[in-house]
Amino acid sequence: IWSYGITLWGTAKPSNLRTIQAFQSICLYNLTKAPWYVTNAALHQDLKVQSINQTAITFYSRLHCKMHGHPNKLISNLHSKHLPSNPTRRLNRNWPRDLI
């Protein structure tokens, strides 16, 4: 359900990502009624649910591949890792293209 915005949430600050990941883990615990000693990693592995970071990388990689052959030149220019009008220098900011 929340995966439509994951390409943006994937580049959020680590503290925000931890909050979202914690909420996902709590929901999985509640859905499965797992005991307290089951780790989050084991729960995700058994249910075959990806973590927030893995999901963000998967979805942005798909989006990046779709941009390559797009007929609109503005969208096809987004396919490159470095935009011509956007230099790579930045102050501790994350961009979706960093997930590739």
PDB file of N, CA and C in Angstrom:
ATOM      1  N   ILE A   1       0.838  -1.191   0.000  1.00  0.00           N
ATOM      2  CA  ILE A   1       0.000   0.000   0.000  1.00  0.00           C
ATOM      3  C   ILE A   1       0.876   1.246   0.000  1.00  0.00           C
ATOM      4  N   TRP A   2       1.904   1.291   0.797  1.00  0.00           N
ATOM      5  CA  TRP A   2       2.741   2.489   0.913  1.00  0.00           C
ATOM      6  C   TRP A   2       3.834   2.539  -0.134  1.00  0.00           C
ATOM      7  N   SER A   3       3.933   1.541  -0.975  1.00  0.00           N
ATOM      8  CA  SER A   3       5.052   1.462  -1.913  1.00  0.00           C
ATOM      9  C   SER A   3       4.977   2.497  -3.028  1.00  0.00           C
ATOM     10  N   TYR A   4       3.843   3.169  -3.224  1.00  0.00           N
ATOM     11  CA  TYR A   4       3.764   4.168  -4.290  1.00  0.00           C
ATOM     12  C   TYR A   4       4.688   5.345  -4.017  1.00  0.00           C
ATOM     13  N   GLY A   5       5.008   5.642  -2.795  1.00  0.00           N
ATOM     14  CA  GLY A   5       5.893   6.753  -2.470  1.00  0.00           C
ATOM     15  C   GLY A   5       7.257   6.316  -1.981  1.00  0.00           C
ATOM     16  N   ILE A   6       7.573   5.044  -2.126  1.00  0.00           N
ATOM     17  CA  ILE A   6       8.818   4.520  -1.563  1.00  0.00           C
ATOM     18  C   ILE A   6      10.048   5.111  -2.230  1.00  0.00           C
ATOM     19  N   THR A   7       9.940   5.534  -3.489  1.00  0.00           N
ATOM     20  CA  THR A   7      11.113   6.117  -4.142  1.00  0.00           C
ATOM     21  C   THR A   7      11.514   7.421  -3.473  1.00  0.00           C
ATOM     22  N   LEU A   8      10.573   8.094  -2.837  1.00  0.00           N
ATOM     23  CA  LEU A   8      10.906   9.302  -2.079  1.00  0.00           C
ATOM     24  C   LEU A   8      11.255   8.976  -0.633  1.00  0.00           C
ATOM     25  N   TRP A   9      10.513   8.045  -0.023  1.00  0.00           N
ATOM     26  CA  TRP A   9      10.795   7.687   1.365  1.00  0.00           C
ATOM     27  C   TRP A   9      12.123   6.969   1.507  1.00  0.00           C
ATOM     28  N   GLY A  10      12.581   6.343   0.456  1.00  0.00           N
ATOM     29  CA  GLY A  10      13.851   5.629   0.518  1.00  0.00           C
ATOM     30  C   GLY A  10      15.036   6.535   0.743  1.00  0.00           C
ATOM     31  N   THR A  11      14.880   7.823   0.433  1.00  0.00           N
ATOM     32  CA  THR A  11      15.975   8.768   0.619  1.00  0.00           C
ATOM     33  C   THR A  11      15.763   9.652   1.839  1.00  0.00           C
ATOM     34  N   ALA A  12      14.835   9.294   2.697  1.00  0.00           N
ATOM     35  CA  ALA A  12      14.594  10.071   3.910  1.00  0.00           C
ATOM     36  C   ALA A  12      15.759   9.894   4.888  1.00  0.00           C
ATOM     37  N   LYS A  13      15.757  10.692   5.908  1.00  0.00           N
ATOM     38  CA  LYS A  13      16.797  10.596   6.932  1.00  0.00           C
ATOM     39  C   LYS A  13      16.708   9.242   7.638  1.00  0.00           C
ATOM     40  N   PRO A  14      17.847   8.734   8.110  1.00  0.00           N
ATOM     41  CA  PRO A  14      17.844   7.415   8.777  1.00  0.00           C
ATOM     42  C   PRO A  14      16.885   7.328   9.960  1.00  0.00           C
ATOM     43  N   SER A  15      16.708   8.419  10.699  1.00  0.00           N
ATOM     44  CA  SER A  15      15.791   8.373  11.841  1.00  0.00           C
ATOM     45  C   SER A  15      14.351   8.161  11.378  1.00  0.00           C
ATOM     46  N   ASN A  16      13.969   8.768  10.264  1.00  0.00           N
ATOM     47  CA  ASN A  16      12.623   8.562   9.727  1.00  0.00           C
ATOM     48  C   ASN A  16      12.464   7.155   9.169  1.00  0.00           C
ATOM     49  N   LEU A  17      13.510   6.649   8.534  1.00  0.00           N
ATOM     50  CA  LEU A  17      13.454   5.282   8.007  1.00  0.00           C
ATOM     51  C   LEU A  17      13.336   4.260   9.130  1.00  0.00           C
ATOM     52  N   ARG A  18      14.030   4.505  10.243  1.00  0.00           N
ATOM     53  CA  ARG A  18      13.927   3.589  11.389  1.00  0.00           C
ATOM     54  C   ARG A  18      12.507   3.579  11.947  1.00  0.00           C
ATOM     55  N   THR A  19      11.856   4.746  11.966  1.00  0.00           N
ATOM     56  CA  THR A  19      10.485   4.825  12.458  1.00  0.00           C
ATOM     57  C   THR A  19       9.540   4.030  11.568  1.00  0.00           C
ATOM     58  N   ILE A  20       9.699   4.176  10.261  1.00  0.00           N
ATOM     59  CA  ILE A  20       8.851   3.433   9.323  1.00  0.00           C
ATOM     60  C   ILE A  20       9.132   1.940   9.420  1.00  0.00           C
ATOM     61  N   GLN A  21      10.411   1.569   9.530  1.00  0.00           N
ATOM     62  CA  GLN A  21      10.780   0.156   9.645  1.00  0.00           C
ATOM     63  C   GLN A  21      10.240  -0.436  10.945  1.00  0.00           C
ATOM     64  N   ALA A  22      10.287   0.334  12.029  1.00  0.00           N
ATOM     65  CA  ALA A  22       9.755  -0.141  13.307  1.00  0.00           C
ATOM     66  C   ALA A  22       8.246  -0.359  13.215  1.00  0.00           C
ATOM     67  N   PHE A  23       7.558   0.563  12.555  1.00  0.00           N
ATOM     68  CA  PHE A  23       6.113   0.407  12.383  1.00  0.00           C
ATOM     69  C   PHE A  23       5.794  -0.843  11.568  1.00  0.00           C
ATOM     70  N   GLN A  24       6.570  -1.086  10.517  1.00  0.00           N
ATOM     71  CA  GLN A  24       6.360  -2.281   9.698  1.00  0.00           C
ATOM     72  C   GLN A  24       6.591  -3.545  10.529  1.00  0.00           C
ATOM     73  N   SER A  25       7.639  -3.554  11.333  1.00  0.00           N
ATOM     74  CA  SER A  25       7.934  -4.727  12.159  1.00  0.00           C
ATOM     75  C   SER A  25       6.852  -4.957  13.208  1.00  0.00           C
ATOM     76  N   ILE A  26       6.357  -3.889  13.806  1.00  0.00           N
ATOM     77  CA  ILE A  26       5.285  -4.009  14.803  1.00  0.00           C
ATOM     78  C   ILE A  26       4.031  -4.585  14.151  1.00  0.00           C
ATOM     79  N   CYS A  27       3.718  -4.109  12.952  1.00  0.00           N
ATOM     80  CA  CYS A  27       2.547  -4.645  12.238  1.00  0.00           C
ATOM     81  C   CYS A  27       2.715  -6.126  11.935  1.00  0.00           C
ATOM     82  N   LEU A  28       3.917  -6.530  11.536  1.00  0.00           N
ATOM     83  CA  LEU A  28       4.153  -7.946  11.250  1.00  0.00           C
ATOM     84  C   LEU A  28       4.024  -8.792  12.515  1.00  0.00           C
ATOM     85  N   TYR A  29       4.533  -8.270  13.647  1.00  0.00           N
ATOM     86  CA  TYR A  29       4.389  -8.991  14.914  1.00  0.00           C
ATOM     87  C   TYR A  29       2.918  -9.148  15.283  1.00  0.00           C
ATOM     88  N   ASN A  30       2.154  -8.075  15.120  1.00  0.00           N
ATOM     89  CA  ASN A  30       0.738  -8.132  15.479  1.00  0.00           C
ATOM     90  C   ASN A  30      -0.051  -9.053  14.551  1.00  0.00           C
ATOM     91  N   LEU A  31       0.288  -9.052  13.276  1.00  0.00           N
ATOM     92  CA  LEU A  31      -0.425  -9.910  12.325  1.00  0.00           C
ATOM     93  C   LEU A  31      -0.160 -11.392  12.568  1.00  0.00           C
ATOM     94  N   THR A  32       1.073 -11.714  12.929  1.00  0.00           N
ATOM     95  CA  THR A  32       1.444 -13.121  13.095  1.00  0.00           C
ATOM     96  C   THR A  32       1.351 -13.603  14.534  1.00  0.00           C
ATOM     97  N   LYS A  33       1.156 -12.676  15.471  1.00  0.00           N
ATOM     98  CA  LYS A  33       1.150 -13.001  16.906  1.00  0.00           C
ATOM     99  C   LYS A  33       2.435 -13.735  17.293  1.00  0.00           C
ATOM    100  N   ALA A  34       3.545 -13.224  16.786  1.00  0.00           N
ATOM    101  CA  ALA A  34       4.851 -13.832  17.050  1.00  0.00           C
ATOM    102  C   ALA A  34       5.266 -13.555  18.494  1.00  0.00           C
ATOM    103  N   PRO A  35       5.978 -14.486  19.134  1.00  0.00           N
ATOM    104  CA  PRO A  35       6.473 -14.250  20.495  1.00  0.00           C
ATOM    105  C   PRO A  35       7.553 -13.170  20.500  1.00  0.00           C
ATOM    106  N   TRP A  36       7.836 -12.644  21.674  1.00  0.00           N
ATOM    107  CA  TRP A  36       8.750 -11.507  21.804  1.00  0.00           C
ATOM    108  C   TRP A  36      10.181 -11.845  21.413  1.00  0.00           C
ATOM    109  N   TYR A  37      10.572 -13.099  21.486  1.00  0.00           N
ATOM    110  CA  TYR A  37      11.967 -13.459  21.227  1.00  0.00           C
ATOM    111  C   TYR A  37      12.273 -13.676  19.739  1.00  0.00           C
ATOM    112  N   VAL A  38      11.293 -13.576  18.870  1.00  0.00           N
ATOM    113  CA  VAL A  38      11.527 -13.698  17.424  1.00  0.00           C
ATOM    114  C   VAL A  38      12.104 -12.376  16.922  1.00  0.00           C
ATOM    115  N   THR A  39      13.221 -12.457  16.225  1.00  0.00           N
ATOM    116  CA  THR A  39      13.869 -11.233  15.743  1.00  0.00           C
ATOM    117  C   THR A  39      13.129 -10.678  14.529  1.00  0.00           C
ATOM    118  N   ASN A  40      13.348  -9.386  14.298  1.00  0.00           N
ATOM    119  CA  ASN A  40      12.746  -8.745  13.129  1.00  0.00           C
ATOM    120  C   ASN A  40      13.262  -9.371  11.841  1.00  0.00           C
ATOM    121  N   ALA A  41      14.547  -9.675  11.799  1.00  0.00           N
ATOM    122  CA  ALA A  41      15.131 -10.270  10.591  1.00  0.00           C
ATOM    123  C   ALA A  41      14.501 -11.632  10.303  1.00  0.00           C
ATOM    124  N   ALA A  42      14.307 -12.439  11.338  1.00  0.00           N
ATOM    125  CA  ALA A  42      13.691 -13.758  11.147  1.00  0.00           C
ATOM    126  C   ALA A  42      12.243 -13.620  10.689  1.00  0.00           C
ATOM    127  N   LEU A  43      11.548 -12.655  11.261  1.00  0.00           N
ATOM    128  CA  LEU A  43      10.155 -12.437  10.891  1.00  0.00           C
ATOM    129  C   LEU A  43      10.036 -11.996   9.430  1.00  0.00           C
ATOM    130  N   HIS A  44      10.889 -11.073   9.018  1.00  0.00           N
ATOM    131  CA  HIS A  44      10.875 -10.614   7.627  1.00  0.00           C
ATOM    132  C   HIS A  44      11.263 -11.742   6.669  1.00  0.00           C
ATOM    133  N   GLN A  45      12.227 -12.540   7.072  1.00  0.00           N
ATOM    134  CA  GLN A  45      12.685 -13.635   6.213  1.00  0.00           C
ATOM    135  C   GLN A  45      11.610 -14.715   6.077  1.00  0.00           C
ATOM    136  N   ASP A  46      10.972 -15.078   7.178  1.00  0.00           N
ATOM    137  CA  ASP A  46       9.947 -16.119   7.139  1.00  0.00           C
ATOM    138  C   ASP A  46       8.723 -15.685   6.332  1.00  0.00           C
ATOM    139  N   LEU A  47       8.360 -14.407   6.451  1.00  0.00           N
ATOM    140  CA  LEU A  47       7.189 -13.905   5.734  1.00  0.00           C
ATOM    141  C   LEU A  47       7.525 -13.414   4.329  1.00  0.00           C
ATOM    142  N   LYS A  48       8.818 -13.414   3.998  1.00  0.00           N
ATOM    143  CA  LYS A  48       9.295 -12.938   2.693  1.00  0.00           C
ATOM    144  C   LYS A  48       8.869 -11.494   2.437  1.00  0.00           C
ATOM    145  N   VAL A  49       9.047 -10.662   3.463  1.00  0.00           N
ATOM    146  CA  VAL A  49       8.756  -9.234   3.368  1.00  0.00           C
ATOM    147  C   VAL A  49      10.084  -8.491   3.360  1.00  0.00           C
ATOM    148  N   GLN A  50      10.264  -7.621   2.385  1.00  0.00           N
ATOM    149  CA  GLN A  50      11.510  -6.869   2.294  1.00  0.00           C
ATOM    150  C   GLN A  50      11.513  -5.722   3.297  1.00  0.00           C
ATOM    151  N   SER A  51      12.717  -5.302   3.665  1.00  0.00           N
ATOM    152  CA  SER A  51      12.841  -4.139   4.535  1.00  0.00           C
ATOM    153  C   SER A  51      12.587  -2.874   3.720  1.00  0.00           C
ATOM    154  N   ILE A  52      12.523  -1.755   4.396  1.00  0.00           N
ATOM    155  CA  ILE A  52      12.268  -0.478   3.732  1.00  0.00           C
ATOM    156  C   ILE A  52      13.366  -0.176   2.712  1.00  0.00           C
ATOM    157  N   ASN A  53      14.618  -0.352   3.100  1.00  0.00           N
ATOM    158  CA  ASN A  53      15.729  -0.046   2.193  1.00  0.00           C
ATOM    159  C   ASN A  53      15.728  -0.951   0.970  1.00  0.00           C
ATOM    160  N   GLN A  54      15.487  -2.231   1.164  1.00  0.00           N
ATOM    161  CA  GLN A  54      15.449  -3.162   0.033  1.00  0.00           C
ATOM    162  C   GLN A  54      14.308  -2.823  -0.924  1.00  0.00           C
ATOM    163  N   THR A  55      13.160  -2.468  -0.371  1.00  0.00           N
ATOM    164  CA  THR A  55      12.015  -2.106  -1.198  1.00  0.00           C
ATOM    165  C   THR A  55      12.287  -0.831  -1.980  1.00  0.00           C
ATOM    166  N   ALA A  56      12.908   0.149  -1.332  1.00  0.00           N
ATOM    167  CA  ALA A  56      13.223   1.409  -2.010  1.00  0.00           C
ATOM    168  C   ALA A  56      14.181   1.180  -3.171  1.00  0.00           C
ATOM    169  N   ILE A  57      15.185   0.361  -2.959  1.00  0.00           N
ATOM    170  CA  ILE A  57      16.151   0.073  -4.025  1.00  0.00           C
ATOM    171  C   ILE A  57      15.467  -0.645  -5.186  1.00  0.00           C
ATOM    172  N   THR A  58      14.612  -1.604  -4.882  1.00  0.00           N
ATOM    173  CA  THR A  58      13.908  -2.352  -5.924  1.00  0.00           C
ATOM    174  C   THR A  58      13.014  -1.442  -6.758  1.00  0.00           C
ATOM    175  N   PHE A  59      12.202  -0.619  -6.084  1.00  0.00           N
ATOM    176  CA  PHE A  59      11.263   0.227  -6.805  1.00  0.00           C
ATOM    177  C   PHE A  59      11.977   1.314  -7.593  1.00  0.00           C
ATOM    178  N   TYR A  60      13.027   1.916  -7.025  1.00  0.00           N
ATOM    179  CA  TYR A  60      13.709   2.965  -7.773  1.00  0.00           C
ATOM    180  C   TYR A  60      14.488   2.384  -8.950  1.00  0.00           C
ATOM    181  N   SER A  61      15.005   1.187  -8.816  1.00  0.00           N
ATOM    182  CA  SER A  61      15.689   0.548  -9.950  1.00  0.00           C
ATOM    183  C   SER A  61      14.713   0.308 -11.096  1.00  0.00           C
ATOM    184  N   ARG A  62      13.496  -0.122 -10.775  1.00  0.00           N
ATOM    185  CA  ARG A  62      12.474  -0.305 -11.809  1.00  0.00           C
ATOM    186  C   ARG A  62      12.131   1.024 -12.475  1.00  0.00           C
ATOM    187  N   LEU A  63      11.945   2.058 -11.661  1.00  0.00           N
ATOM    188  CA  LEU A  63      11.621   3.378 -12.196  1.00  0.00           C
ATOM    189  C   LEU A  63      12.747   3.890 -13.080  1.00  0.00           C
ATOM    190  N   HIS A  64      13.968   3.684 -12.650  1.00  0.00           N
ATOM    191  CA  HIS A  64      15.133   4.153 -13.403  1.00  0.00           C
ATOM    192  C   HIS A  64      15.225   3.445 -14.753  1.00  0.00           C
ATOM    193  N   CYS A  65      14.912   2.167 -14.795  1.00  0.00           N
ATOM    194  CA  CYS A  65      14.940   1.422 -16.062  1.00  0.00           C
ATOM    195  C   CYS A  65      13.844   1.893 -17.013  1.00  0.00           C
ATOM    196  N   LYS A  66      12.678   2.271 -16.477  1.00  0.00           N
ATOM    197  CA  LYS A  66      11.580   2.746 -17.318  1.00  0.00           C
ATOM    198  C   LYS A  66      11.885   4.111 -17.934  1.00  0.00           C
ATOM    199  N   MET A  67      12.719   4.902 -17.280  1.00  0.00           N
ATOM    200  CA  MET A  67      13.029   6.242 -17.782  1.00  0.00           C
ATOM    201  C   MET A  67      13.921   6.211 -19.009  1.00  0.00           C
ATOM    202  N   HIS A  68      14.657   5.146 -19.214  1.00  0.00           N
ATOM    203  CA  HIS A  68      15.661   5.084 -20.283  1.00  0.00           C
ATOM    204  C   HIS A  68      15.061   5.285 -21.667  1.00  0.00           C
ATOM    205  N   GLY A  69      14.004   4.609 -21.984  1.00  0.00           N
ATOM    206  CA  GLY A  69      13.443   4.693 -23.326  1.00  0.00           C
ATOM    207  C   GLY A  69      12.199   5.556 -23.425  1.00  0.00           C
ATOM    208  N   HIS A  70      11.998   6.465 -22.502  1.00  0.00           N
ATOM    209  CA  HIS A  70      10.787   7.282 -22.495  1.00  0.00           C
ATOM    210  C   HIS A  70      10.812   8.287 -23.643  1.00  0.00           C
ATOM    211  N   PRO A  71       9.674   8.501 -24.326  1.00  0.00           N
ATOM    212  CA  PRO A  71       9.656   9.427 -25.457  1.00  0.00           C
ATOM    213  C   PRO A  71       9.853  10.896 -25.060  1.00  0.00           C
ATOM    214  N   ASN A  72       9.506  11.262 -23.839  1.00  0.00           N
ATOM    215  CA  ASN A  72       9.697  12.636 -23.379  1.00  0.00           C
ATOM    216  C   ASN A  72      11.168  12.845 -23.029  1.00  0.00           C
ATOM    217  N   LYS A  73      11.803  13.826 -23.655  1.00  0.00           N
ATOM    218  CA  LYS A  73      13.236  14.051 -23.442  1.00  0.00           C
ATOM    219  C   LYS A  73      13.547  14.456 -22.004  1.00  0.00           C
ATOM    220  N   LEU A  74      12.652  15.204 -21.365  1.00  0.00           N
ATOM    221  CA  LEU A  74      12.899  15.627 -19.987  1.00  0.00           C
ATOM    222  C   LEU A  74      12.952  14.423 -19.049  1.00  0.00           C
ATOM    223  N   ILE A  75      12.076  13.464 -19.274  1.00  0.00           N
ATOM    224  CA  ILE A  75      12.066  12.268 -18.434  1.00  0.00           C
ATOM    225  C   ILE A  75      13.241  11.365 -18.770  1.00  0.00           C
ATOM    226  N   SER A  76      13.564  11.249 -20.047  1.00  0.00           N
ATOM    227  CA  SER A  76      14.696  10.390 -20.415  1.00  0.00           C
ATOM    228  C   SER A  76      16.017  10.963 -19.914  1.00  0.00           C
ATOM    229  N   ASN A  77      16.107  12.288 -19.715  1.00  0.00           N
ATOM    230  CA  ASN A  77      17.316  12.887 -19.137  1.00  0.00           C
ATOM    231  C   ASN A  77      17.488  12.512 -17.670  1.00  0.00           C
ATOM    232  N   LEU A  78      16.403  12.159 -17.005  1.00  0.00           N
ATOM    233  CA  LEU A  78      16.484  11.757 -15.599  1.00  0.00           C
ATOM    234  C   LEU A  78      17.156  10.401 -15.431  1.00  0.00           C
ATOM    235  N   HIS A  79      17.341   9.687 -16.527  1.00  0.00           N
ATOM    236  CA  HIS A  79      17.948   8.357 -16.476  1.00  0.00           C
ATOM    237  C   HIS A  79      19.410   8.404 -16.044  1.00  0.00           C
ATOM    238  N   SER A  80      20.098   9.499 -16.313  1.00  0.00           N
ATOM    239  CA  SER A  80      21.517   9.581 -15.953  1.00  0.00           C
ATOM    240  C   SER A  80      21.672   9.744 -14.447  1.00  0.00           C
ATOM    241  N   LYS A  81      22.808   9.308 -13.930  1.00  0.00           N
ATOM    242  CA  LYS A  81      23.062   9.431 -12.491  1.00  0.00           C
ATOM    243  C   LYS A  81      23.289  10.878 -12.084  1.00  0.00           C
ATOM    244  N   HIS A  82      23.822  11.685 -12.996  1.00  0.00           N
ATOM    245  CA  HIS A  82      24.101  13.089 -12.693  1.00  0.00           C
ATOM    246  C   HIS A  82      23.403  13.957 -13.724  1.00  0.00           C
ATOM    247  N   LEU A  83      22.486  14.778 -13.265  1.00  0.00           N
ATOM    248  CA  LEU A  83      21.777  15.658 -14.168  1.00  0.00           C
ATOM    249  C   LEU A  83      22.699  16.793 -14.605  1.00  0.00           C
ATOM    250  N   PRO A  84      22.624  17.213 -15.863  1.00  0.00           N
ATOM    251  CA  PRO A  84      23.510  18.278 -16.336  1.00  0.00           C
ATOM    252  C   PRO A  84      23.327  19.588 -15.579  1.00  0.00           C
ATOM    253  N   SER A  85      22.102  19.913 -15.195  1.00  0.00           N
ATOM    254  CA  SER A  85      21.856  21.176 -14.500  1.00  0.00           C
ATOM    255  C   SER A  85      21.962  21.042 -12.984  1.00  0.00           C
ATOM    256  N   ASN A  86      22.289  19.854 -12.490  1.00  0.00           N
ATOM    257  CA  ASN A  86      22.338  19.621 -11.051  1.00  0.00           C
ATOM    258  C   ASN A  86      23.714  19.061 -10.691  1.00  0.00           C
ATOM    259  N   PRO A  87      24.623  19.886 -10.189  1.00  0.00           N
ATOM    260  CA  PRO A  87      25.947  19.371  -9.835  1.00  0.00           C
ATOM    261  C   PRO A  87      25.859  18.380  -8.677  1.00  0.00           C
ATOM    262  N   THR A  88      26.891  17.565  -8.532  1.00  0.00           N
ATOM    263  CA  THR A  88      26.862  16.515  -7.518  1.00  0.00           C
ATOM    264  C   THR A  88      27.170  17.022  -6.121  1.00  0.00           C
ATOM    265  N   ARG A  89      27.650  18.239  -5.964  1.00  0.00           N
ATOM    266  CA  ARG A  89      27.962  18.735  -4.621  1.00  0.00           C
ATOM    267  C   ARG A  89      26.663  19.002  -3.869  1.00  0.00           C
ATOM    268  N   ARG A  90      26.627  18.631  -2.627  1.00  0.00           N
ATOM    269  CA  ARG A  90      25.451  18.838  -1.789  1.00  0.00           C
ATOM    270  C   ARG A  90      25.853  18.687  -0.333  1.00  0.00           C
ATOM    271  N   LEU A  91      25.031  19.163   0.537  1.00  0.00           N
ATOM    272  CA  LEU A  91      25.306  19.116   1.966  1.00  0.00           C
ATOM    273  C   LEU A  91      24.513  17.981   2.603  1.00  0.00           C
ATOM    274  N   ASN A  92      25.097  16.823   2.631  1.00  0.00           N
ATOM    275  CA  ASN A  92      24.524  15.663   3.322  1.00  0.00           C
ATOM    276  C   ASN A  92      23.070  15.397   2.925  1.00  0.00           C
ATOM    277  N   ARG A  93      22.783  15.504   1.644  1.00  0.00           N
ATOM    278  CA  ARG A  93      21.443  15.219   1.157  1.00  0.00           C
ATOM    279  C   ARG A  93      21.461  13.912   0.386  1.00  0.00           C
ATOM    280  N   ASN A  94      20.356  13.214   0.445  1.00  0.00           N
ATOM    281  CA  ASN A  94      20.212  11.962  -0.299  1.00  0.00           C
ATOM    282  C   ASN A  94      19.269  12.191  -1.468  1.00  0.00           C
ATOM    283  N   TRP A  95      19.603  11.614  -2.593  1.00  0.00           N
ATOM    284  CA  TRP A  95      18.761  11.697  -3.778  1.00  0.00           C
ATOM    285  C   TRP A  95      18.338  10.284  -4.156  1.00  0.00           C
ATOM    286  N   PRO A  96      17.165  10.132  -4.782  1.00  0.00           N
ATOM    287  CA  PRO A  96      16.736   8.790  -5.176  1.00  0.00           C
ATOM    288  C   PRO A  96      17.737   8.080  -6.075  1.00  0.00           C
ATOM    289  N   ARG A  97      18.443   8.813  -6.929  1.00  0.00           N
ATOM    290  CA  ARG A  97      19.402   8.160  -7.823  1.00  0.00           C
ATOM    291  C   ARG A  97      20.609   7.603  -7.072  1.00  0.00           C
ATOM    292  N   ASP A  98      20.777   7.957  -5.797  1.00  0.00           N
ATOM    293  CA  ASP A  98      21.846   7.373  -4.985  1.00  0.00           C
ATOM    294  C   ASP A  98      21.543   5.923  -4.606  1.00  0.00           C
ATOM    295  N   LEU A  99      20.295   5.501  -4.755  1.00  0.00           N
ATOM    296  CA  LEU A  99      19.900   4.139  -4.391  1.00  0.00           C
ATOM    297  C   LEU A  99      20.356   3.108  -5.410  1.00  0.00           C
ATOM    298  N   ILE A 100      20.732   3.556  -6.587  1.00  0.00           N
ATOM    299  CA  ILE A 100      21.134   2.619  -7.646  1.00  0.00           C
ATOM    300  C   ILE A 100      22.495   2.052  -7.338  1.00  0.00           C
TER     301      ILE A 100
END
